[in-house]
Amino acid sequence: MYEWHFRMGFDRYIWILGMIYAYYYSTVEKWIEKLDEAKLKLRILIKTTIVVTSATAAYLWFEYIFKLNSITYNKYHSYTSWIPITAYICIRNVNQNTRSYTLTLFGSNAPDAQPKKLLIIVPNYPLLNFMLTTIVFMTISYRLSELTNTFKMAFVPSKDNKGIMHDMITAAAIMGILYSSFVFLKVLPMLAVRIPPITKNTQERHRTQDH
């Protein structure tokens, strides 16, 4: 239970960042294409600003967050993990050359260092297991991508401001109800009156008072 609770809380907010980046991916891609076609001076100015800002944010995160002791860092991780990820994305996509490279740190450490166990379909056959798990992950990723697009069209309809506002109000109402229910369930035990158990002495005392 501790491991489950720790994993659930460790990256509980980063999915929001992923959803936002996925939603605006096509918009940012078009903006990058326009930036690559802009005049040289303007292009250099904008890209330099992006790199300097991203590098500064990543450096400050490294100095004042990442270097903390493990227990303290874990408390801040869920609120600050978006900083290095965003900085990496911005710097990597600053030009076409850097876009052709990936950071192996994210690919090598995440599957090996974080979970307790890896997905094993065929024991003792690492290459075959790697092939099968890759097919599973790719299939799931493809299906999730299709579902994301379907949900996006359903909950965030294009050129329909009234529909978007209706969905936002509905979502806010549902979240408010769920949060209120959670608070009520947490507070209810504190408000409960403890009733003392009925013993023989209690029964005799009541009988004496009646007489």
N, C-alpha and C. Protein backbone atom coordinates (compact mmCIF):
# COMPACT_ATOMS: atom_id res chain seq x y z
N MET A 1 0.82 -1.20 0.00
CA MET A 1 0.00 0.00 0.00
C MET A 1 0.86 1.26 0.00
N TYR A 2 1.98 1.22 0.73
CA TYR A 2 2.85 2.40 0.77
C TYR A 2 3.41 2.70 -0.61
N GLU A 3 3.85 1.65 -1.31
CA GLU A 3 4.42 1.86 -2.64
C GLU A 3 3.36 2.41 -3.59
N TRP A 4 2.13 1.88 -3.52
CA TRP A 4 1.04 2.37 -4.37
C TRP A 4 0.73 3.83 -4.06
N HIS A 5 0.65 4.16 -2.78
CA HIS A 5 0.36 5.54 -2.37
C HIS A 5 1.48 6.48 -2.81
N PHE A 6 2.72 6.02 -2.69
CA PHE A 6 3.86 6.85 -3.08
C PHE A 6 3.85 7.13 -4.58
N ARG A 7 3.62 6.09 -5.39
CA ARG A 7 3.61 6.25 -6.85
C ARG A 7 2.44 7.12 -7.30
N MET A 8 1.29 6.96 -6.66
CA MET A 8 0.12 7.73 -7.04
C MET A 8 0.32 9.22 -6.76
N GLY A 9 1.05 9.53 -5.69
CA GLY A 9 1.25 10.93 -5.34
C GLY A 9 2.48 11.56 -5.93
N PHE A 10 3.44 10.74 -6.34
CA PHE A 10 4.72 11.26 -6.79
C PHE A 10 4.57 12.08 -8.07
N ASP A 11 3.79 11.61 -9.02
CA ASP A 11 3.59 12.31 -10.31
C ASP A 11 2.11 12.58 -10.54
N ARG A 12 1.40 13.00 -9.49
CA ARG A 12 -0.05 13.12 -9.61
C ARG A 12 -0.50 14.30 -10.45
N TYR A 13 0.38 15.26 -10.73
CA TYR A 13 -0.02 16.43 -11.51
C TYR A 13 0.60 16.49 -12.90
N ILE A 14 1.60 15.67 -13.17
CA ILE A 14 2.31 15.78 -14.43
C ILE A 14 1.44 15.39 -15.62
N TRP A 15 0.41 14.57 -15.39
CA TRP A 15 -0.49 14.18 -16.49
C TRP A 15 -1.23 15.40 -17.04
N ILE A 16 -1.47 16.39 -16.19
CA ILE A 16 -2.15 17.60 -16.66
C ILE A 16 -1.28 18.30 -17.68
N LEU A 17 0.02 18.38 -17.39
CA LEU A 17 0.96 19.00 -18.33
C LEU A 17 1.00 18.23 -19.64
N GLY A 18 1.00 16.90 -19.55
CA GLY A 18 1.02 16.08 -20.75
C GLY A 18 -0.22 16.29 -21.61
N MET A 19 -1.39 16.39 -20.98
CA MET A 19 -2.63 16.63 -21.72
C MET A 19 -2.61 17.99 -22.40
N ILE A 20 -2.10 19.01 -21.70
CA ILE A 20 -2.03 20.36 -22.28
C ILE A 20 -1.08 20.37 -23.47
N TYR A 21 0.09 19.74 -23.31
CA TYR A 21 1.06 19.71 -24.41
C TYR A 21 0.52 18.93 -25.60
N ALA A 22 -0.18 17.83 -25.33
CA ALA A 22 -0.74 17.04 -26.43
C ALA A 22 -1.82 17.82 -27.17
N TYR A 23 -2.62 18.57 -26.43
CA TYR A 23 -3.71 19.32 -27.05
C TYR A 23 -3.18 20.44 -27.94
N TYR A 24 -2.12 21.12 -27.50
CA TYR A 24 -1.58 22.24 -28.26
C TYR A 24 -0.41 21.85 -29.16
N TYR A 25 -0.20 20.54 -29.33
CA TYR A 25 0.94 20.09 -30.14
C TYR A 25 0.88 20.62 -31.57
N SER A 26 -0.26 20.47 -32.22
CA SER A 26 -0.38 20.91 -33.62
C SER A 26 -0.22 22.42 -33.73
N THR A 27 -0.74 23.17 -32.75
CA THR A 27 -0.63 24.62 -32.77
C THR A 27 0.83 25.06 -32.63
N VAL A 28 1.54 24.44 -31.70
CA VAL A 28 2.95 24.78 -31.50
C VAL A 28 3.78 24.36 -32.70
N GLU A 29 3.44 23.22 -33.30
CA GLU A 29 4.16 22.77 -34.49
C GLU A 29 4.06 23.78 -35.63
N LYS A 30 2.86 24.33 -35.84
CA LYS A 30 2.68 25.35 -36.87
C LYS A 30 3.45 26.62 -36.53
N TRP A 31 3.47 26.97 -35.24
CA TRP A 31 4.20 28.17 -34.82
C TRP A 31 5.70 27.99 -35.04
N ILE A 32 6.22 26.79 -34.77
CA ILE A 32 7.64 26.52 -34.99
C ILE A 32 7.97 26.61 -36.47
N GLU A 33 7.09 26.10 -37.32
CA GLU A 33 7.32 26.19 -38.77
C GLU A 33 7.36 27.65 -39.24
N LYS A 34 6.46 28.48 -38.71
CA LYS A 34 6.48 29.90 -39.05
C LYS A 34 7.74 30.58 -38.53
N LEU A 35 8.18 30.18 -37.33
CA LEU A 35 9.39 30.75 -36.76
C LEU A 35 10.62 30.41 -37.59
N ASP A 36 10.68 29.18 -38.11
CA ASP A 36 11.80 28.78 -38.96
C ASP A 36 11.84 29.56 -40.27
N GLU A 37 10.69 30.08 -40.68
CA GLU A 37 10.62 30.84 -41.93
C GLU A 37 10.75 32.35 -41.71
N ALA A 38 10.86 32.77 -40.45
CA ALA A 38 10.96 34.20 -40.15
C ALA A 38 12.35 34.73 -40.53
N LYS A 39 12.50 36.06 -40.43
CA LYS A 39 13.78 36.68 -40.74
C LYS A 39 14.84 36.23 -39.75
N LEU A 40 16.09 36.28 -40.18
CA LEU A 40 17.18 35.71 -39.40
C LEU A 40 17.32 36.37 -38.04
N LYS A 41 17.31 37.70 -38.00
CA LYS A 41 17.50 38.41 -36.72
C LYS A 41 16.37 38.10 -35.75
N LEU A 42 15.14 38.15 -36.24
CA LEU A 42 14.00 37.85 -35.39
C LEU A 42 14.04 36.41 -34.91
N ARG A 43 14.41 35.50 -35.81
CA ARG A 43 14.47 34.07 -35.46
C ARG A 43 15.53 33.83 -34.37
N ILE A 44 16.69 34.44 -34.54
CA ILE A 44 17.76 34.28 -33.55
C ILE A 44 17.36 34.87 -32.20
N LEU A 45 16.70 36.03 -32.22
CA LEU A 45 16.28 36.68 -30.98
C LEU A 45 15.29 35.81 -30.21
N ILE A 46 14.27 35.31 -30.90
CA ILE A 46 13.24 34.50 -30.24
C ILE A 46 13.82 33.19 -29.71
N LYS A 47 14.62 32.52 -30.53
CA LYS A 47 15.19 31.24 -30.12
C LYS A 47 16.20 31.42 -28.98
N THR A 48 16.97 32.50 -29.02
CA THR A 48 17.91 32.76 -27.93
C THR A 48 17.17 33.01 -26.63
N THR A 49 16.08 33.77 -26.71
CA THR A 49 15.27 34.02 -25.52
C THR A 49 14.70 32.73 -24.95
N ILE A 50 14.23 31.85 -25.83
CA ILE A 50 13.68 30.57 -25.38
C ILE A 50 14.74 29.73 -24.70
N VAL A 51 15.92 29.65 -25.29
CA VAL A 51 16.99 28.83 -24.73
C VAL A 51 17.47 29.38 -23.39
N VAL A 52 17.70 30.70 -23.33
CA VAL A 52 18.19 31.31 -22.09
C VAL A 52 17.17 31.16 -20.96
N THR A 53 15.90 31.41 -21.27
CA THR A 53 14.85 31.28 -20.25
C THR A 53 14.73 29.83 -19.77
N SER A 54 14.72 28.89 -20.70
CA SER A 54 14.59 27.48 -20.34
C SER A 54 15.80 27.00 -19.55
N ALA A 55 16.99 27.37 -19.99
CA ALA A 55 18.21 26.95 -19.29
C ALA A 55 18.27 27.54 -17.89
N THR A 56 17.86 28.80 -17.74
CA THR A 56 17.86 29.43 -16.42
C THR A 56 16.89 28.73 -15.48
N ALA A 57 15.70 28.44 -15.97
CA ALA A 57 14.70 27.74 -15.15
C ALA A 57 15.20 26.36 -14.74
N ALA A 58 15.81 25.64 -15.68
CA ALA A 58 16.34 24.31 -15.37
C ALA A 58 17.48 24.39 -14.37
N TYR A 59 18.33 25.39 -14.49
CA TYR A 59 19.45 25.55 -13.56
C TYR A 59 18.96 25.86 -12.15
N LEU A 60 17.99 26.77 -12.03
CA LEU A 60 17.44 27.10 -10.72
C LEU A 60 16.76 25.90 -10.10
N TRP A 61 16.04 25.11 -10.91
CA TRP A 61 15.41 23.89 -10.40
C TRP A 61 16.47 22.91 -9.90
N PHE A 62 17.56 22.78 -10.66
CA PHE A 62 18.63 21.86 -10.28
C PHE A 62 19.30 22.29 -8.99
N GLU A 63 19.54 23.58 -8.83
CA GLU A 63 20.26 24.09 -7.67
C GLU A 63 19.42 24.07 -6.40
N TYR A 64 18.14 24.44 -6.51
CA TYR A 64 17.34 24.66 -5.32
C TYR A 64 16.29 23.57 -5.05
N ILE A 65 16.08 22.68 -6.01
CA ILE A 65 15.11 21.60 -5.81
C ILE A 65 15.78 20.23 -5.89
N PHE A 66 16.46 19.98 -7.00
CA PHE A 66 17.03 18.65 -7.24
C PHE A 66 18.09 18.28 -6.21
N LYS A 67 18.82 19.27 -5.69
CA LYS A 67 19.90 18.99 -4.74
C LYS A 67 19.42 18.81 -3.30
N LEU A 68 18.13 18.93 -3.08
CA LEU A 68 17.60 18.69 -1.74
C LEU A 68 17.73 17.22 -1.37
N ASN A 69 17.65 16.92 -0.08
CA ASN A 69 17.70 15.52 0.32
C ASN A 69 16.46 14.79 -0.20
N SER A 70 16.54 13.48 -0.20
CA SER A 70 15.52 12.67 -0.86
C SER A 70 14.13 12.91 -0.30
N ILE A 71 13.99 12.97 1.00
CA ILE A 71 12.66 13.12 1.62
C ILE A 71 12.06 14.47 1.27
N THR A 72 12.87 15.53 1.37
CA THR A 72 12.38 16.87 1.06
C THR A 72 12.07 17.01 -0.43
N TYR A 73 12.94 16.43 -1.27
CA TYR A 73 12.72 16.51 -2.71
C TYR A 73 11.42 15.84 -3.12
N ASN A 74 11.12 14.70 -2.53
CA ASN A 74 9.89 13.99 -2.88
C ASN A 74 8.65 14.83 -2.60
N LYS A 75 8.72 15.71 -1.59
CA LYS A 75 7.57 16.57 -1.28
C LYS A 75 7.35 17.62 -2.36
N TYR A 76 8.45 18.06 -3.00
CA TYR A 76 8.35 19.11 -4.02
C TYR A 76 8.24 18.57 -5.44
N HIS A 77 8.53 17.29 -5.62
CA HIS A 77 8.63 16.74 -6.97
C HIS A 77 7.35 16.91 -7.78
N SER A 78 6.21 16.57 -7.21
CA SER A 78 4.96 16.62 -7.97
C SER A 78 4.60 18.03 -8.39
N TYR A 79 5.15 19.05 -7.70
CA TYR A 79 4.83 20.44 -8.04
C TYR A 79 5.88 21.08 -8.95
N THR A 80 7.04 20.47 -9.06
CA THR A 80 8.15 21.10 -9.81
C THR A 80 8.69 20.25 -10.95
N SER A 81 8.20 19.02 -11.11
CA SER A 81 8.77 18.14 -12.14
C SER A 81 8.53 18.67 -13.55
N TRP A 82 7.52 19.56 -13.71
CA TRP A 82 7.23 20.12 -15.03
C TRP A 82 8.33 21.07 -15.50
N ILE A 83 9.13 21.59 -14.59
CA ILE A 83 10.15 22.58 -14.97
C ILE A 83 11.24 21.97 -15.85
N PRO A 84 11.93 20.89 -15.43
CA PRO A 84 12.95 20.32 -16.32
C PRO A 84 12.38 19.72 -17.59
N ILE A 85 11.18 19.15 -17.50
CA ILE A 85 10.56 18.56 -18.69
C ILE A 85 10.26 19.64 -19.73
N THR A 86 9.68 20.76 -19.27
CA THR A 86 9.36 21.86 -20.18
C THR A 86 10.63 22.48 -20.75
N ALA A 87 11.64 22.64 -19.90
CA ALA A 87 12.91 23.20 -20.38
C ALA A 87 13.54 22.31 -21.44
N TYR A 88 13.50 21.00 -21.21
CA TYR A 88 14.04 20.06 -22.19
C TYR A 88 13.29 20.13 -23.51
N ILE A 89 11.96 20.18 -23.46
CA ILE A 89 11.16 20.25 -24.68
C ILE A 89 11.45 21.52 -25.46
N CYS A 90 11.54 22.65 -24.75
CA CYS A 90 11.79 23.94 -25.41
C CYS A 90 13.17 23.96 -26.07
N ILE A 91 14.19 23.51 -25.35
CA ILE A 91 15.55 23.54 -25.89
C ILE A 91 15.71 22.55 -27.04
N ARG A 92 15.09 21.37 -26.89
CA ARG A 92 15.22 20.35 -27.94
C ARG A 92 14.59 20.79 -29.25
N ASN A 93 13.48 21.54 -29.18
CA ASN A 93 12.76 21.92 -30.39
C ASN A 93 13.14 23.31 -30.89
N VAL A 94 14.25 23.84 -30.42
CA VAL A 94 14.63 25.19 -30.82
C VAL A 94 15.10 25.25 -32.27
N ASN A 95 15.65 24.15 -32.78
CA ASN A 95 16.00 24.11 -34.20
C ASN A 95 15.91 22.67 -34.70
N GLN A 96 16.05 22.51 -36.01
CA GLN A 96 15.85 21.20 -36.63
C GLN A 96 16.93 20.20 -36.24
N ASN A 97 18.14 20.67 -35.98
CA ASN A 97 19.23 19.75 -35.62
C ASN A 97 18.99 19.10 -34.26
N THR A 98 18.61 19.91 -33.27
CA THR A 98 18.40 19.35 -31.94
C THR A 98 17.15 18.46 -31.87
N ARG A 99 16.22 18.66 -32.81
CA ARG A 99 15.01 17.84 -32.81
C ARG A 99 15.30 16.39 -33.20
N SER A 100 16.43 16.16 -33.82
CA SER A 100 16.78 14.80 -34.26
C SER A 100 17.42 13.98 -33.15
N TYR A 101 17.63 14.59 -31.97
CA TYR A 101 18.25 13.88 -30.85
C TYR A 101 17.24 13.72 -29.72
N THR A 102 17.43 12.66 -28.94
CA THR A 102 16.60 12.42 -27.76
C THR A 102 17.50 12.27 -26.54
N LEU A 103 16.93 12.53 -25.37
CA LEU A 103 17.67 12.41 -24.14
C LEU A 103 17.48 11.01 -23.58
N THR A 104 18.54 10.20 -23.59
CA THR A 104 18.43 8.82 -23.15
C THR A 104 18.16 8.71 -21.65
N LEU A 105 18.40 9.81 -20.92
CA LEU A 105 18.13 9.79 -19.48
C LEU A 105 16.68 9.48 -19.19
N PHE A 106 15.75 10.08 -19.97
CA PHE A 106 14.34 9.84 -19.77
C PHE A 106 13.95 8.43 -20.21
N GLY A 107 14.64 7.89 -21.19
CA GLY A 107 14.28 6.59 -21.72
C GLY A 107 14.88 5.42 -20.97
N SER A 108 16.05 5.62 -20.38
CA SER A 108 16.74 4.50 -19.74
C SER A 108 16.44 4.39 -18.26
N ASN A 109 16.33 5.51 -17.57
CA ASN A 109 16.16 5.45 -16.12
C ASN A 109 14.71 5.20 -15.71
N ALA A 110 13.77 5.74 -16.47
CA ALA A 110 12.37 5.65 -16.05
C ALA A 110 11.87 4.22 -15.91
N PRO A 111 12.08 3.33 -16.92
CA PRO A 111 11.53 1.99 -16.76
C PRO A 111 12.27 1.13 -15.77
N ASP A 112 13.58 1.43 -15.56
CA ASP A 112 14.41 0.55 -14.75
C ASP A 112 14.45 0.96 -13.28
N ALA A 113 14.48 2.26 -13.03
CA ALA A 113 14.69 2.71 -11.67
C ALA A 113 13.40 2.93 -10.90
N GLN A 114 12.29 3.20 -11.58
CA GLN A 114 11.08 3.57 -10.87
C GLN A 114 10.24 2.38 -10.43
N PRO A 115 9.67 1.58 -11.35
CA PRO A 115 8.80 0.49 -10.89
C PRO A 115 9.59 -0.63 -10.24
N LYS A 116 8.88 -1.38 -9.42
CA LYS A 116 9.54 -2.51 -8.76
C LYS A 116 9.79 -3.65 -9.73
N LYS A 117 8.89 -3.84 -10.67
CA LYS A 117 9.03 -4.93 -11.61
C LYS A 117 8.70 -4.45 -13.01
N LEU A 118 9.35 -5.05 -14.01
CA LEU A 118 9.05 -4.76 -15.41
C LEU A 118 8.05 -5.79 -15.94
N LEU A 119 7.40 -5.43 -17.03
CA LEU A 119 6.44 -6.34 -17.63
C LEU A 119 7.19 -7.49 -18.30
N ILE A 120 6.92 -8.70 -17.86
CA ILE A 120 7.57 -9.89 -18.40
C ILE A 120 6.49 -10.83 -18.91
N ILE A 121 6.48 -11.03 -20.21
CA ILE A 121 5.51 -11.95 -20.82
C ILE A 121 6.14 -13.33 -21.01
N VAL A 122 7.37 -13.36 -21.52
CA VAL A 122 8.09 -14.62 -21.73
C VAL A 122 9.37 -14.58 -20.90
N PRO A 123 9.40 -15.23 -19.75
CA PRO A 123 10.60 -15.21 -18.90
C PRO A 123 11.80 -15.85 -19.60
N ASN A 124 12.99 -15.33 -19.28
CA ASN A 124 14.28 -15.87 -19.74
C ASN A 124 14.52 -15.68 -21.24
N TYR A 125 13.67 -14.91 -21.92
CA TYR A 125 13.89 -14.59 -23.33
C TYR A 125 13.75 -13.08 -23.49
N PRO A 126 14.81 -12.33 -23.16
CA PRO A 126 14.71 -10.86 -23.12
C PRO A 126 14.35 -10.22 -24.45
N LEU A 127 14.93 -10.71 -25.56
CA LEU A 127 14.64 -10.10 -26.86
C LEU A 127 13.19 -10.36 -27.29
N LEU A 128 12.74 -11.60 -27.10
CA LEU A 128 11.35 -11.92 -27.43
C LEU A 128 10.39 -11.14 -26.53
N ASN A 129 10.74 -11.05 -25.25
CA ASN A 129 9.91 -10.30 -24.31
C ASN A 129 9.88 -8.82 -24.69
N PHE A 130 11.02 -8.29 -25.10
CA PHE A 130 11.08 -6.89 -25.52
C PHE A 130 10.19 -6.65 -26.74
N MET A 131 10.21 -7.58 -27.69
CA MET A 131 9.40 -7.43 -28.90
C MET A 131 7.91 -7.46 -28.56
N LEU A 132 7.51 -8.42 -27.72
CA LEU A 132 6.09 -8.55 -27.38
C LEU A 132 5.59 -7.36 -26.56
N THR A 133 6.38 -6.94 -25.57
CA THR A 133 5.97 -5.80 -24.76
C THR A 133 5.92 -4.52 -25.59
N THR A 134 6.82 -4.40 -26.56
CA THR A 134 6.78 -3.23 -27.44
C THR A 134 5.49 -3.20 -28.25
N ILE A 135 5.08 -4.37 -28.76
CA ILE A 135 3.81 -4.45 -29.51
C ILE A 135 2.64 -4.08 -28.62
N VAL A 136 2.66 -4.57 -27.37
CA VAL A 136 1.58 -4.26 -26.43
C VAL A 136 1.52 -2.77 -26.16
N PHE A 137 2.68 -2.16 -25.85
CA PHE A 137 2.71 -0.74 -25.54
C PHE A 137 2.32 0.12 -26.74
N MET A 138 2.78 -0.27 -27.93
CA MET A 138 2.44 0.49 -29.13
C MET A 138 0.94 0.41 -29.43
N THR A 139 0.37 -0.79 -29.25
CA THR A 139 -1.07 -0.96 -29.48
C THR A 139 -1.88 -0.12 -28.50
N ILE A 140 -1.51 -0.19 -27.23
CA ILE A 140 -2.22 0.60 -26.22
C ILE A 140 -2.07 2.09 -26.48
N SER A 141 -0.86 2.51 -26.84
CA SER A 141 -0.62 3.93 -27.12
C SER A 141 -1.45 4.41 -28.30
N TYR A 142 -1.54 3.57 -29.34
CA TYR A 142 -2.34 3.94 -30.51
C TYR A 142 -3.81 4.08 -30.15
N ARG A 143 -4.32 3.13 -29.37
CA ARG A 143 -5.73 3.18 -28.99
C ARG A 143 -6.00 4.39 -28.08
N LEU A 144 -5.08 4.67 -27.16
CA LEU A 144 -5.25 5.83 -26.29
C LEU A 144 -5.21 7.13 -27.08
N SER A 145 -4.38 7.16 -28.12
CA SER A 145 -4.33 8.36 -28.96
C SER A 145 -5.65 8.59 -29.67
N GLU A 146 -6.24 7.52 -30.20
CA GLU A 146 -7.55 7.64 -30.85
C GLU A 146 -8.63 8.06 -29.85
N LEU A 147 -8.60 7.48 -28.65
CA LEU A 147 -9.58 7.85 -27.63
C LEU A 147 -9.41 9.31 -27.20
N THR A 148 -8.15 9.76 -27.11
CA THR A 148 -7.90 11.16 -26.74
C THR A 148 -8.50 12.11 -27.77
N ASN A 149 -8.30 11.80 -29.05
CA ASN A 149 -8.89 12.65 -30.10
C ASN A 149 -10.42 12.62 -30.06
N THR A 150 -10.97 11.44 -29.80
CA THR A 150 -12.43 11.34 -29.72
C THR A 150 -12.98 12.16 -28.55
N PHE A 151 -12.33 12.02 -27.39
CA PHE A 151 -12.77 12.78 -26.22
C PHE A 151 -12.58 14.28 -26.43
N LYS A 152 -11.52 14.64 -27.13
CA LYS A 152 -11.27 16.07 -27.38
C LYS A 152 -12.38 16.66 -28.23
N MET A 153 -12.81 15.94 -29.26
CA MET A 153 -13.90 16.43 -30.11
C MET A 153 -15.22 16.46 -29.34
N ALA A 154 -15.39 15.53 -28.39
CA ALA A 154 -16.66 15.47 -27.66
C ALA A 154 -16.75 16.54 -26.57
N PHE A 155 -15.64 16.73 -25.83
CA PHE A 155 -15.67 17.64 -24.69
C PHE A 155 -15.17 19.04 -25.03
N VAL A 156 -14.37 19.17 -26.08
CA VAL A 156 -13.87 20.48 -26.48
C VAL A 156 -14.21 20.69 -27.95
N PRO A 157 -15.46 20.90 -28.28
CA PRO A 157 -15.84 21.06 -29.69
C PRO A 157 -15.27 22.34 -30.28
N SER A 158 -14.78 22.24 -31.50
CA SER A 158 -14.21 23.41 -32.16
C SER A 158 -15.32 24.34 -32.64
N LYS A 159 -15.06 25.65 -32.53
CA LYS A 159 -15.98 26.70 -33.00
C LYS A 159 -17.36 26.59 -32.34
N ASP A 160 -17.37 26.19 -31.08
CA ASP A 160 -18.63 26.09 -30.34
C ASP A 160 -18.37 26.55 -28.91
N ASN A 161 -18.32 27.88 -28.74
CA ASN A 161 -17.98 28.44 -27.43
C ASN A 161 -19.02 28.07 -26.37
N LYS A 162 -20.29 28.02 -26.76
CA LYS A 162 -21.33 27.66 -25.80
C LYS A 162 -21.16 26.22 -25.32
N GLY A 163 -20.81 25.33 -26.27
CA GLY A 163 -20.58 23.94 -25.88
C GLY A 163 -19.39 23.79 -24.96
N ILE A 164 -18.31 24.52 -25.24
CA ILE A 164 -17.12 24.47 -24.39
C ILE A 164 -17.44 25.00 -23.00
N MET A 165 -18.16 26.12 -22.93
CA MET A 165 -18.52 26.68 -21.63
C MET A 165 -19.41 25.73 -20.85
N HIS A 166 -20.34 25.07 -21.55
CA HIS A 166 -21.22 24.10 -20.88
C HIS A 166 -20.41 22.94 -20.31
N ASP A 167 -19.44 22.44 -21.08
CA ASP A 167 -18.61 21.33 -20.61
C ASP A 167 -17.74 21.76 -19.43
N MET A 168 -17.21 22.98 -19.47
CA MET A 168 -16.37 23.48 -18.38
C MET A 168 -17.18 23.61 -17.09
N ILE A 169 -18.39 24.14 -17.20
CA ILE A 169 -19.24 24.29 -16.02
C ILE A 169 -19.62 22.92 -15.45
N THR A 170 -19.94 21.98 -16.35
CA THR A 170 -20.28 20.63 -15.91
C THR A 170 -19.11 19.96 -15.22
N ALA A 171 -17.93 20.09 -15.80
CA ALA A 171 -16.73 19.49 -15.19
C ALA A 171 -16.43 20.12 -13.84
N ALA A 172 -16.56 21.46 -13.74
CA ALA A 172 -16.32 22.13 -12.47
C ALA A 172 -17.32 21.68 -11.41
N ALA A 173 -18.59 21.50 -11.83
CA ALA A 173 -19.61 21.05 -10.88
C ALA A 173 -19.32 19.64 -10.38
N ILE A 174 -18.93 18.76 -11.30
CA ILE A 174 -18.61 17.38 -10.91
C ILE A 174 -17.42 17.35 -9.96
N MET A 175 -16.38 18.13 -10.29
CA MET A 175 -15.20 18.18 -9.42
C MET A 175 -15.56 18.75 -8.05
N GLY A 176 -16.45 19.77 -8.03
CA GLY A 176 -16.87 20.33 -6.75
C GLY A 176 -17.62 19.33 -5.90
N ILE A 177 -18.50 18.55 -6.54
CA ILE A 177 -19.25 17.54 -5.82
C ILE A 177 -18.33 16.45 -5.26
N LEU A 178 -17.40 16.00 -6.10
CA LEU A 178 -16.46 14.97 -5.65
C LEU A 178 -15.58 15.46 -4.52
N TYR A 179 -15.11 16.71 -4.63
CA TYR A 179 -14.24 17.25 -3.58
C TYR A 179 -15.03 17.44 -2.29
N SER A 180 -16.27 17.93 -2.39
CA SER A 180 -17.11 18.11 -1.20
C SER A 180 -17.39 16.76 -0.53
N SER A 181 -17.62 15.74 -1.34
CA SER A 181 -17.85 14.40 -0.78
C SER A 181 -16.62 13.88 -0.07
N PHE A 182 -15.46 14.14 -0.67
CA PHE A 182 -14.20 13.70 -0.05
C PHE A 182 -13.99 14.40 1.29
N VAL A 183 -14.21 15.72 1.33
CA VAL A 183 -14.05 16.48 2.57
C VAL A 183 -15.05 16.00 3.61
N PHE A 184 -16.29 15.75 3.19
CA PHE A 184 -17.31 15.28 4.13
C PHE A 184 -16.93 13.94 4.74
N LEU A 185 -16.42 13.03 3.91
CA LEU A 185 -16.02 11.71 4.42
C LEU A 185 -14.82 11.81 5.35
N LYS A 186 -13.94 12.80 5.13
CA LYS A 186 -12.79 12.98 6.01
C LYS A 186 -13.19 13.61 7.34
N VAL A 187 -14.18 14.53 7.29
CA VAL A 187 -14.59 15.25 8.50
C VAL A 187 -15.59 14.46 9.33
N LEU A 188 -16.37 13.60 8.67
CA LEU A 188 -17.43 12.87 9.36
C LEU A 188 -16.93 12.09 10.58
N PRO A 189 -15.83 11.33 10.48
CA PRO A 189 -15.36 10.61 11.68
C PRO A 189 -15.00 11.54 12.83
N MET A 190 -14.54 12.75 12.50
CA MET A 190 -14.15 13.70 13.55
C MET A 190 -15.37 14.26 14.27
N LEU A 191 -16.53 14.30 13.57
CA LEU A 191 -17.74 14.84 14.17
C LEU A 191 -18.57 13.79 14.89
N ALA A 192 -18.24 12.52 14.66
CA ALA A 192 -19.02 11.44 15.27
C ALA A 192 -18.85 11.47 16.79
N VAL A 193 -19.95 11.29 17.52
CA VAL A 193 -19.92 11.27 18.98
C VAL A 193 -19.66 9.84 19.44
N ARG A 194 -18.67 9.71 20.26
CA ARG A 194 -18.32 8.38 20.75
C ARG A 194 -19.29 7.97 21.86
N ILE A 195 -19.97 6.88 21.65
CA ILE A 195 -20.93 6.37 22.63
C ILE A 195 -20.23 5.33 23.50
N PRO A 196 -20.19 5.54 24.82
CA PRO A 196 -19.50 4.57 25.69
C PRO A 196 -20.22 3.23 25.69
N PRO A 197 -19.50 2.15 25.79
CA PRO A 197 -20.13 0.82 25.80
C PRO A 197 -20.96 0.62 27.07
N ILE A 198 -22.04 -0.14 26.94
CA ILE A 198 -22.92 -0.44 28.07
C ILE A 198 -22.36 -1.63 28.84
N THR A 199 -22.05 -1.42 30.10
CA THR A 199 -21.51 -2.49 30.94
C THR A 199 -22.49 -2.80 32.07
N LYS A 200 -22.16 -3.77 32.89
CA LYS A 200 -23.01 -4.13 34.02
C LYS A 200 -23.09 -2.99 35.02
N ASN A 201 -21.96 -2.30 35.23
CA ASN A 201 -21.98 -1.18 36.17
C ASN A 201 -22.90 -0.08 35.68
N THR A 202 -22.90 0.15 34.36
CA THR A 202 -23.78 1.18 33.79
C THR A 202 -25.24 0.80 33.98
N GLN A 203 -25.58 -0.48 33.75
CA GLN A 203 -26.95 -0.92 33.92
C GLN A 203 -27.39 -0.80 35.38
N GLU A 204 -26.52 -1.19 36.33
CA GLU A 204 -26.86 -1.07 37.75
C GLU A 204 -27.05 0.37 38.15
N ARG A 205 -26.23 1.28 37.61
CA ARG A 205 -26.36 2.68 37.94
C ARG A 205 -27.70 3.23 37.47
N HIS A 206 -28.11 2.83 36.26
CA HIS A 206 -29.41 3.28 35.75
C HIS A 206 -30.55 2.73 36.60
N ARG A 207 -30.45 1.49 37.05
CA ARG A 207 -31.49 0.92 37.89
C ARG A 207 -31.61 1.65 39.21
N THR A 208 -30.45 2.01 39.81
CA THR A 208 -30.44 2.74 41.08
C THR A 208 -31.09 4.10 40.93
N GLN A 209 -30.80 4.79 39.81
CA GLN A 209 -31.40 6.09 39.57
C GLN A 209 -32.89 5.99 39.36
N ASP A 210 -33.38 4.92 38.75
CA ASP A 210 -34.81 4.74 38.51
C ASP A 210 -35.56 4.55 39.85
N HIS A 211 -34.92 3.79 40.78
CA HIS A 211 -35.55 3.53 42.08
C HIS A 211 -35.45 4.78 42.97
